[in-house]
Amino acid sequence: MLRFPRWTAALPFSAVLVVGCTERIAARPSPPDIAQVCAGVSEAQARTFLTDLRADLERVETVREPMKTKPFAVHTVGADVYVRATPGMTAEWLARVAQCHLAREAIGAPTDRASSPFGMAETTIDVSSTATGFVVAIRSADFVTAQEIARRAAALPAPS
């Protein structure tokens, strides 16, 4: 009798889940969605988001979490980008401009795409306040994408 490892029984099911999630997350926004996401954000603000973010950058941290299948192993899930507060900036506005920047990249609009940790498919962005500013959490459930996010975020220049 042939015996297969227990984990092989889950392969067809997990493959279906990955395909389903990828299609849902990687969907490109349509122009009306872009208009809604970018409402109130000027084209210049969305295009220069990364440059503006670099000007107020405090630090970048790679985020790692324990693997579900191996309790003592960790894997990269993304990066946290810490930004100094500027007059009039709120977490909500920073998140809105970041989402607009991400949506514009998804449709191929001009941005700093090559160096942007935000321009990856299957990426989520969450902005929250800290004592001195904001943290922009960039995450991906995809291992390769998460590593690329961390690499690109680490390459953001340090403040002078």
N, C-alpha and C. Protein backbone atom coordinates (compact mmCIF):
# COMPACT_ATOMS: atom_id res chain seq x y z
N MET A 1 0.83 -1.18 0.00
CA MET A 1 0.00 0.00 0.00
C MET A 1 0.88 1.25 0.00
N LEU A 2 0.56 2.19 -0.89
CA LEU A 2 1.31 3.43 -0.96
C LEU A 2 0.87 4.36 0.15
N ARG A 3 1.83 5.00 0.78
CA ARG A 3 1.51 5.96 1.83
C ARG A 3 2.11 7.31 1.45
N PHE A 4 1.32 8.34 1.53
CA PHE A 4 1.78 9.68 1.24
C PHE A 4 1.80 10.46 2.55
N PRO A 5 2.70 11.41 2.64
CA PRO A 5 2.70 12.25 3.86
C PRO A 5 1.35 12.92 4.04
N ARG A 6 1.00 13.19 5.29
CA ARG A 6 -0.29 13.79 5.61
C ARG A 6 -0.52 15.14 4.93
N TRP A 7 0.52 15.91 4.75
CA TRP A 7 0.35 17.24 4.16
C TRP A 7 -0.09 17.18 2.71
N THR A 8 0.14 16.08 2.00
CA THR A 8 -0.26 16.01 0.60
C THR A 8 -1.77 15.97 0.43
N ALA A 9 -2.49 15.54 1.45
CA ALA A 9 -3.95 15.50 1.36
C ALA A 9 -4.54 16.90 1.26
N ALA A 10 -3.83 17.89 1.76
CA ALA A 10 -4.34 19.27 1.75
C ALA A 10 -3.98 20.01 0.48
N LEU A 11 -3.13 19.46 -0.38
CA LEU A 11 -2.68 20.19 -1.56
C LEU A 11 -3.80 20.66 -2.49
N PRO A 12 -4.71 19.82 -2.93
CA PRO A 12 -5.74 20.34 -3.85
C PRO A 12 -6.57 21.45 -3.23
N PHE A 13 -6.92 21.31 -1.97
CA PHE A 13 -7.73 22.32 -1.30
C PHE A 13 -6.97 23.63 -1.16
N SER A 14 -5.71 23.57 -0.72
CA SER A 14 -4.96 24.80 -0.54
C SER A 14 -4.67 25.47 -1.89
N ALA A 15 -4.48 24.69 -2.94
CA ALA A 15 -4.27 25.29 -4.25
C ALA A 15 -5.48 26.08 -4.70
N VAL A 16 -6.66 25.58 -4.42
CA VAL A 16 -7.89 26.29 -4.77
C VAL A 16 -7.98 27.59 -3.97
N LEU A 17 -7.62 27.56 -2.69
CA LEU A 17 -7.67 28.77 -1.88
C LEU A 17 -6.70 29.82 -2.39
N VAL A 18 -5.49 29.43 -2.73
CA VAL A 18 -4.51 30.40 -3.21
C VAL A 18 -4.97 31.04 -4.51
N VAL A 19 -5.47 30.26 -5.44
CA VAL A 19 -5.95 30.81 -6.70
C VAL A 19 -7.11 31.77 -6.46
N GLY A 20 -8.04 31.38 -5.61
CA GLY A 20 -9.19 32.23 -5.32
C GLY A 20 -8.77 33.55 -4.71
N CYS A 21 -7.85 33.53 -3.75
CA CYS A 21 -7.40 34.74 -3.10
C CYS A 21 -6.62 35.63 -4.07
N THR A 22 -5.79 35.03 -4.88
CA THR A 22 -4.98 35.80 -5.81
C THR A 22 -5.86 36.56 -6.79
N GLU A 23 -6.88 35.92 -7.31
CA GLU A 23 -7.76 36.60 -8.24
C GLU A 23 -8.49 37.75 -7.57
N ARG A 24 -8.92 37.55 -6.36
CA ARG A 24 -9.68 38.58 -5.66
C ARG A 24 -8.79 39.77 -5.31
N ILE A 25 -7.61 39.52 -4.80
CA ILE A 25 -6.74 40.59 -4.35
C ILE A 25 -6.09 41.32 -5.52
N ALA A 26 -5.71 40.60 -6.55
CA ALA A 26 -4.94 41.19 -7.63
C ALA A 26 -5.80 41.89 -8.68
N ALA A 27 -7.10 42.00 -8.46
CA ALA A 27 -7.97 42.65 -9.44
C ALA A 27 -7.55 44.10 -9.63
N ARG A 28 -7.46 44.52 -10.88
CA ARG A 28 -7.09 45.91 -11.18
C ARG A 28 -8.30 46.82 -10.99
N PRO A 29 -8.08 47.96 -10.35
CA PRO A 29 -9.20 48.89 -10.20
C PRO A 29 -9.56 49.51 -11.54
N SER A 30 -10.84 49.75 -11.74
CA SER A 30 -11.30 50.40 -12.96
C SER A 30 -11.23 51.92 -12.77
N PRO A 31 -11.28 52.69 -13.85
CA PRO A 31 -11.21 54.15 -13.72
C PRO A 31 -12.22 54.76 -12.74
N PRO A 32 -13.50 54.30 -12.70
CA PRO A 32 -14.40 54.87 -11.69
C PRO A 32 -13.93 54.57 -10.27
N ASP A 33 -13.34 53.38 -10.04
CA ASP A 33 -12.81 53.07 -8.72
C ASP A 33 -11.67 54.01 -8.37
N ILE A 34 -10.81 54.30 -9.34
CA ILE A 34 -9.70 55.21 -9.13
C ILE A 34 -10.23 56.59 -8.74
N ALA A 35 -11.25 57.04 -9.42
CA ALA A 35 -11.84 58.35 -9.11
C ALA A 35 -12.36 58.37 -7.67
N GLN A 36 -12.94 57.28 -7.23
CA GLN A 36 -13.47 57.22 -5.86
C GLN A 36 -12.33 57.15 -4.84
N VAL A 37 -11.35 56.29 -5.10
CA VAL A 37 -10.22 56.13 -4.18
C VAL A 37 -9.41 57.42 -4.08
N CYS A 38 -9.26 58.12 -5.21
CA CYS A 38 -8.42 59.31 -5.26
C CYS A 38 -9.21 60.62 -5.09
N ALA A 39 -10.46 60.56 -4.71
CA ALA A 39 -11.27 61.77 -4.54
C ALA A 39 -10.59 62.71 -3.54
N GLY A 40 -10.33 63.94 -3.97
CA GLY A 40 -9.70 64.93 -3.12
C GLY A 40 -8.18 64.90 -3.13
N VAL A 41 -7.59 63.89 -3.74
CA VAL A 41 -6.13 63.78 -3.82
C VAL A 41 -5.71 64.27 -5.21
N SER A 42 -4.86 65.27 -5.23
CA SER A 42 -4.42 65.79 -6.53
C SER A 42 -3.50 64.77 -7.21
N GLU A 43 -3.41 64.88 -8.53
CA GLU A 43 -2.53 63.98 -9.28
C GLU A 43 -1.09 64.14 -8.82
N ALA A 44 -0.69 65.38 -8.54
CA ALA A 44 0.68 65.63 -8.09
C ALA A 44 0.94 64.96 -6.74
N GLN A 45 -0.03 65.02 -5.82
CA GLN A 45 0.14 64.37 -4.52
C GLN A 45 0.27 62.86 -4.66
N ALA A 46 -0.54 62.27 -5.51
CA ALA A 46 -0.49 60.82 -5.70
C ALA A 46 0.80 60.40 -6.39
N ARG A 47 1.25 61.20 -7.35
CA ARG A 47 2.45 60.86 -8.11
C ARG A 47 3.71 61.02 -7.26
N THR A 48 3.76 62.05 -6.40
CA THR A 48 4.96 62.32 -5.61
C THR A 48 4.87 61.78 -4.20
N PHE A 49 3.93 60.90 -3.94
CA PHE A 49 3.74 60.36 -2.59
C PHE A 49 5.02 59.77 -2.02
N LEU A 50 5.70 58.95 -2.79
CA LEU A 50 6.91 58.29 -2.30
C LEU A 50 8.02 59.30 -2.01
N THR A 51 8.18 60.28 -2.88
CA THR A 51 9.19 61.32 -2.67
C THR A 51 8.88 62.11 -1.41
N ASP A 52 7.61 62.46 -1.22
CA ASP A 52 7.20 63.19 -0.02
C ASP A 52 7.40 62.35 1.23
N LEU A 53 7.12 61.07 1.13
CA LEU A 53 7.28 60.16 2.26
C LEU A 53 8.75 60.07 2.66
N ARG A 54 9.63 59.98 1.68
CA ARG A 54 11.07 59.88 1.95
C ARG A 54 11.58 61.11 2.70
N ALA A 55 11.01 62.28 2.42
CA ALA A 55 11.46 63.51 3.06
C ALA A 55 11.21 63.49 4.56
N ASP A 56 10.18 62.78 4.99
CA ASP A 56 9.83 62.74 6.42
C ASP A 56 10.06 61.38 7.06
N LEU A 57 10.87 60.54 6.42
CA LEU A 57 11.11 59.18 6.87
C LEU A 57 11.91 59.17 8.17
N GLU A 58 11.44 58.41 9.15
CA GLU A 58 12.18 58.21 10.40
C GLU A 58 13.00 56.93 10.34
N ARG A 59 12.32 55.82 10.06
CA ARG A 59 13.01 54.53 9.98
C ARG A 59 12.10 53.51 9.29
N VAL A 60 12.71 52.39 8.91
CA VAL A 60 12.00 51.30 8.27
C VAL A 60 12.35 50.02 9.02
N GLU A 61 11.36 49.19 9.29
CA GLU A 61 11.59 47.92 9.96
C GLU A 61 10.96 46.79 9.15
N THR A 62 11.72 45.72 8.94
CA THR A 62 11.18 44.52 8.33
C THR A 62 10.33 43.80 9.37
N VAL A 63 9.15 43.33 8.96
CA VAL A 63 8.25 42.65 9.90
C VAL A 63 8.26 41.16 9.61
N ARG A 64 8.51 40.40 10.64
CA ARG A 64 8.52 38.94 10.53
C ARG A 64 7.53 38.36 11.54
N GLU A 65 6.91 37.26 11.17
CA GLU A 65 5.95 36.57 12.04
C GLU A 65 6.27 35.09 12.07
N PRO A 66 5.86 34.41 13.15
CA PRO A 66 6.07 32.96 13.20
C PRO A 66 5.25 32.26 12.11
N MET A 67 5.84 31.21 11.57
CA MET A 67 5.13 30.42 10.57
C MET A 67 4.11 29.52 11.27
N LYS A 68 2.98 29.33 10.66
CA LYS A 68 1.94 28.50 11.26
C LYS A 68 2.32 27.03 11.26
N THR A 69 3.10 26.62 10.27
CA THR A 69 3.45 25.20 10.16
C THR A 69 4.71 24.84 10.94
N LYS A 70 5.55 25.83 11.24
CA LYS A 70 6.79 25.59 11.99
C LYS A 70 6.86 26.61 13.11
N PRO A 71 6.54 26.22 14.34
CA PRO A 71 6.40 27.18 15.42
C PRO A 71 7.66 28.00 15.75
N PHE A 72 8.85 27.48 15.46
CA PHE A 72 10.06 28.22 15.82
C PHE A 72 10.68 28.95 14.63
N ALA A 73 10.08 28.83 13.47
CA ALA A 73 10.57 29.52 12.28
C ALA A 73 9.75 30.78 12.03
N VAL A 74 10.39 31.79 11.47
CA VAL A 74 9.70 33.04 11.15
C VAL A 74 9.86 33.32 9.66
N HIS A 75 8.93 34.09 9.13
CA HIS A 75 9.02 34.51 7.73
C HIS A 75 8.63 35.97 7.62
N THR A 76 9.13 36.62 6.59
CA THR A 76 8.86 38.03 6.35
C THR A 76 7.44 38.21 5.84
N VAL A 77 6.72 39.18 6.40
CA VAL A 77 5.36 39.47 5.95
C VAL A 77 5.22 40.89 5.39
N GLY A 78 6.28 41.69 5.50
CA GLY A 78 6.23 43.04 4.97
C GLY A 78 7.17 43.97 5.70
N ALA A 79 6.78 45.25 5.75
CA ALA A 79 7.62 46.26 6.39
C ALA A 79 6.76 47.33 7.05
N ASP A 80 7.32 47.96 8.07
CA ASP A 80 6.72 49.12 8.71
C ASP A 80 7.58 50.33 8.39
N VAL A 81 6.96 51.36 7.82
CA VAL A 81 7.66 52.59 7.46
C VAL A 81 7.19 53.67 8.43
N TYR A 82 8.12 54.17 9.23
CA TYR A 82 7.80 55.20 10.22
C TYR A 82 8.07 56.57 9.64
N VAL A 83 7.07 57.45 9.75
CA VAL A 83 7.13 58.78 9.15
C VAL A 83 6.89 59.82 10.23
N ARG A 84 7.72 60.88 10.23
CA ARG A 84 7.52 61.99 11.18
C ARG A 84 6.24 62.74 10.84
N ALA A 85 5.56 63.22 11.85
CA ALA A 85 4.36 64.02 11.65
C ALA A 85 4.74 65.37 11.05
N THR A 86 3.88 65.87 10.17
CA THR A 86 4.05 67.21 9.60
C THR A 86 2.77 67.98 9.88
N PRO A 87 2.83 69.30 9.89
CA PRO A 87 1.63 70.09 10.19
C PRO A 87 0.47 69.73 9.27
N GLY A 88 -0.68 69.44 9.86
CA GLY A 88 -1.89 69.15 9.10
C GLY A 88 -2.04 67.71 8.65
N MET A 89 -1.03 66.89 8.80
CA MET A 89 -1.10 65.49 8.36
C MET A 89 -1.87 64.66 9.39
N THR A 90 -2.74 63.80 8.89
CA THR A 90 -3.45 62.85 9.74
C THR A 90 -3.22 61.44 9.20
N ALA A 91 -3.45 60.45 10.03
CA ALA A 91 -3.30 59.06 9.60
C ALA A 91 -4.28 58.76 8.47
N GLU A 92 -5.48 59.30 8.56
CA GLU A 92 -6.50 59.06 7.54
C GLU A 92 -6.07 59.64 6.18
N TRP A 93 -5.51 60.86 6.21
CA TRP A 93 -5.09 61.47 4.95
C TRP A 93 -3.90 60.73 4.36
N LEU A 94 -2.95 60.35 5.20
CA LEU A 94 -1.78 59.59 4.72
C LEU A 94 -2.22 58.27 4.10
N ALA A 95 -3.19 57.60 4.74
CA ALA A 95 -3.71 56.34 4.20
C ALA A 95 -4.42 56.58 2.87
N ARG A 96 -5.15 57.66 2.78
CA ARG A 96 -5.89 57.95 1.54
C ARG A 96 -4.93 58.22 0.37
N VAL A 97 -3.89 58.99 0.62
CA VAL A 97 -2.91 59.28 -0.43
C VAL A 97 -2.16 58.00 -0.80
N ALA A 98 -1.82 57.18 0.19
CA ALA A 98 -1.14 55.90 -0.08
C ALA A 98 -2.02 54.98 -0.92
N GLN A 99 -3.29 54.88 -0.60
CA GLN A 99 -4.21 54.03 -1.37
C GLN A 99 -4.37 54.56 -2.79
N CYS A 100 -4.43 55.88 -2.94
CA CYS A 100 -4.53 56.47 -4.28
C CYS A 100 -3.26 56.18 -5.07
N HIS A 101 -2.11 56.32 -4.43
CA HIS A 101 -0.83 56.01 -5.09
C HIS A 101 -0.81 54.56 -5.54
N LEU A 102 -1.26 53.65 -4.69
CA LEU A 102 -1.30 52.22 -5.01
C LEU A 102 -2.26 51.95 -6.17
N ALA A 103 -3.42 52.58 -6.15
CA ALA A 103 -4.41 52.40 -7.22
C ALA A 103 -3.88 52.93 -8.55
N ARG A 104 -3.20 54.07 -8.51
CA ARG A 104 -2.62 54.64 -9.74
C ARG A 104 -1.54 53.72 -10.30
N GLU A 105 -0.73 53.13 -9.43
CA GLU A 105 0.29 52.19 -9.90
C GLU A 105 -0.37 50.98 -10.55
N ALA A 106 -1.50 50.54 -10.00
CA ALA A 106 -2.18 49.35 -10.52
C ALA A 106 -2.67 49.55 -11.95
N ILE A 107 -3.00 50.79 -12.32
CA ILE A 107 -3.48 51.04 -13.69
C ILE A 107 -2.37 51.55 -14.61
N GLY A 108 -1.15 51.64 -14.07
CA GLY A 108 -0.02 52.05 -14.90
C GLY A 108 0.20 53.54 -14.98
N ALA A 109 -0.38 54.31 -14.08
CA ALA A 109 -0.15 55.76 -14.07
C ALA A 109 1.29 56.05 -13.63
N PRO A 110 1.86 57.18 -14.02
CA PRO A 110 3.25 57.48 -13.67
C PRO A 110 3.44 57.64 -12.16
N THR A 111 4.37 56.86 -11.61
CA THR A 111 4.76 56.94 -10.20
C THR A 111 6.20 56.44 -10.09
N ASP A 112 6.73 56.41 -8.86
CA ASP A 112 8.07 55.86 -8.61
C ASP A 112 7.97 54.34 -8.46
N ARG A 113 7.34 53.67 -9.39
CA ARG A 113 7.00 52.25 -9.28
C ARG A 113 8.20 51.35 -9.01
N ALA A 114 9.30 51.53 -9.70
CA ALA A 114 10.44 50.61 -9.59
C ALA A 114 10.98 50.53 -8.17
N SER A 115 10.96 51.61 -7.44
CA SER A 115 11.53 51.61 -6.10
C SER A 115 10.48 51.62 -5.00
N SER A 116 9.23 51.57 -5.35
CA SER A 116 8.16 51.71 -4.37
C SER A 116 7.81 50.40 -3.69
N PRO A 117 7.84 50.37 -2.36
CA PRO A 117 7.36 49.17 -1.66
C PRO A 117 5.84 49.07 -1.72
N PHE A 118 5.17 50.12 -2.18
CA PHE A 118 3.72 50.13 -2.27
C PHE A 118 3.21 49.55 -3.58
N GLY A 119 4.05 49.45 -4.58
CA GLY A 119 3.61 49.09 -5.92
C GLY A 119 3.55 47.61 -6.20
N MET A 120 3.47 46.79 -5.21
CA MET A 120 3.46 45.35 -5.40
C MET A 120 2.01 44.84 -5.44
N ALA A 121 1.78 43.81 -6.24
CA ALA A 121 0.46 43.18 -6.27
C ALA A 121 0.24 42.47 -4.93
N GLU A 122 -0.99 42.27 -4.58
CA GLU A 122 -1.37 41.55 -3.34
C GLU A 122 -0.82 42.24 -2.10
N THR A 123 -0.89 43.55 -2.08
CA THR A 123 -0.35 44.34 -0.97
C THR A 123 -1.48 45.02 -0.21
N THR A 124 -1.35 45.05 1.12
CA THR A 124 -2.28 45.83 1.93
C THR A 124 -1.50 46.93 2.64
N ILE A 125 -2.16 48.05 2.85
CA ILE A 125 -1.54 49.19 3.51
C ILE A 125 -2.43 49.60 4.68
N ASP A 126 -1.81 49.81 5.84
CA ASP A 126 -2.54 50.27 7.01
C ASP A 126 -1.71 51.37 7.67
N VAL A 127 -2.33 52.50 7.98
CA VAL A 127 -1.62 53.62 8.59
C VAL A 127 -2.18 53.85 9.98
N SER A 128 -1.29 54.00 10.95
CA SER A 128 -1.73 54.31 12.31
C SER A 128 -0.79 55.35 12.91
N SER A 129 -1.26 56.02 13.96
CA SER A 129 -0.48 57.07 14.62
C SER A 129 0.51 56.47 15.61
N THR A 130 1.63 57.17 15.76
CA THR A 130 2.61 56.84 16.79
C THR A 130 2.80 58.11 17.63
N ALA A 131 3.69 58.06 18.60
CA ALA A 131 3.93 59.23 19.45
C ALA A 131 4.52 60.40 18.67
N THR A 132 5.30 60.13 17.63
CA THR A 132 5.97 61.19 16.88
C THR A 132 5.51 61.32 15.44
N GLY A 133 4.57 60.51 15.02
CA GLY A 133 4.12 60.57 13.63
C GLY A 133 3.21 59.42 13.27
N PHE A 134 3.61 58.65 12.27
CA PHE A 134 2.76 57.58 11.75
C PHE A 134 3.60 56.37 11.38
N VAL A 135 2.96 55.22 11.38
CA VAL A 135 3.58 54.01 10.86
C VAL A 135 2.71 53.52 9.71
N VAL A 136 3.35 53.31 8.57
CA VAL A 136 2.67 52.78 7.39
C VAL A 136 3.05 51.30 7.32
N ALA A 137 2.08 50.43 7.60
CA ALA A 137 2.32 48.98 7.59
C ALA A 137 1.99 48.45 6.20
N ILE A 138 2.98 47.88 5.54
CA ILE A 138 2.81 47.33 4.19
C ILE A 138 2.97 45.82 4.33
N ARG A 139 1.94 45.06 3.95
CA ARG A 139 1.95 43.62 4.15
C ARG A 139 1.51 42.88 2.90
N SER A 140 1.94 41.62 2.82
CA SER A 140 1.48 40.71 1.79
C SER A 140 1.48 39.30 2.35
N ALA A 141 0.46 38.54 2.00
CA ALA A 141 0.39 37.14 2.40
C ALA A 141 1.29 36.28 1.53
N ASP A 142 1.70 36.81 0.38
CA ASP A 142 2.58 36.08 -0.52
C ASP A 142 4.03 36.26 -0.05
N PHE A 143 4.73 35.15 0.16
CA PHE A 143 6.08 35.16 0.72
C PHE A 143 7.05 35.97 -0.13
N VAL A 144 7.06 35.76 -1.44
CA VAL A 144 7.99 36.45 -2.34
C VAL A 144 7.68 37.95 -2.37
N THR A 145 6.41 38.29 -2.44
CA THR A 145 6.01 39.70 -2.45
C THR A 145 6.40 40.37 -1.15
N ALA A 146 6.19 39.70 -0.02
CA ALA A 146 6.54 40.26 1.29
C ALA A 146 8.04 40.53 1.38
N GLN A 147 8.85 39.62 0.86
CA GLN A 147 10.30 39.84 0.87
C GLN A 147 10.69 41.03 -0.01
N GLU A 148 10.03 41.18 -1.15
CA GLU A 148 10.31 42.31 -2.03
C GLU A 148 9.87 43.62 -1.39
N ILE A 149 8.74 43.61 -0.69
CA ILE A 149 8.30 44.80 0.04
C ILE A 149 9.36 45.20 1.05
N ALA A 150 9.85 44.24 1.82
CA ALA A 150 10.88 44.53 2.83
C ALA A 150 12.15 45.05 2.17
N ARG A 151 12.56 44.47 1.05
CA ARG A 151 13.76 44.91 0.36
C ARG A 151 13.61 46.35 -0.15
N ARG A 152 12.48 46.64 -0.79
CA ARG A 152 12.26 47.99 -1.32
C ARG A 152 12.12 49.01 -0.20
N ALA A 153 11.45 48.64 0.88
CA ALA A 153 11.28 49.57 2.00
C ALA A 153 12.64 49.86 2.64
N ALA A 154 13.49 48.83 2.79
CA ALA A 154 14.82 49.03 3.37
C ALA A 154 15.68 49.92 2.50
N ALA A 155 15.39 49.96 1.19
CA ALA A 155 16.17 50.78 0.26
C ALA A 155 15.74 52.25 0.26
N LEU A 156 14.66 52.57 0.95
CA LEU A 156 14.27 53.98 1.05
C LEU A 156 15.39 54.73 1.75
N PRO A 157 15.79 55.87 1.25
CA PRO A 157 16.95 56.56 1.84
C PRO A 157 16.65 57.05 3.27
N ALA A 158 17.68 56.99 4.08
CA ALA A 158 17.57 57.50 5.45
C ALA A 158 17.52 59.01 5.43
N PRO A 159 16.86 59.61 6.43
CA PRO A 159 16.80 61.07 6.47
C PRO A 159 18.19 61.66 6.69
N SER A 160 18.39 62.86 6.20
CA SER A 160 19.71 63.50 6.34
C SER A 160 19.86 64.14 7.70
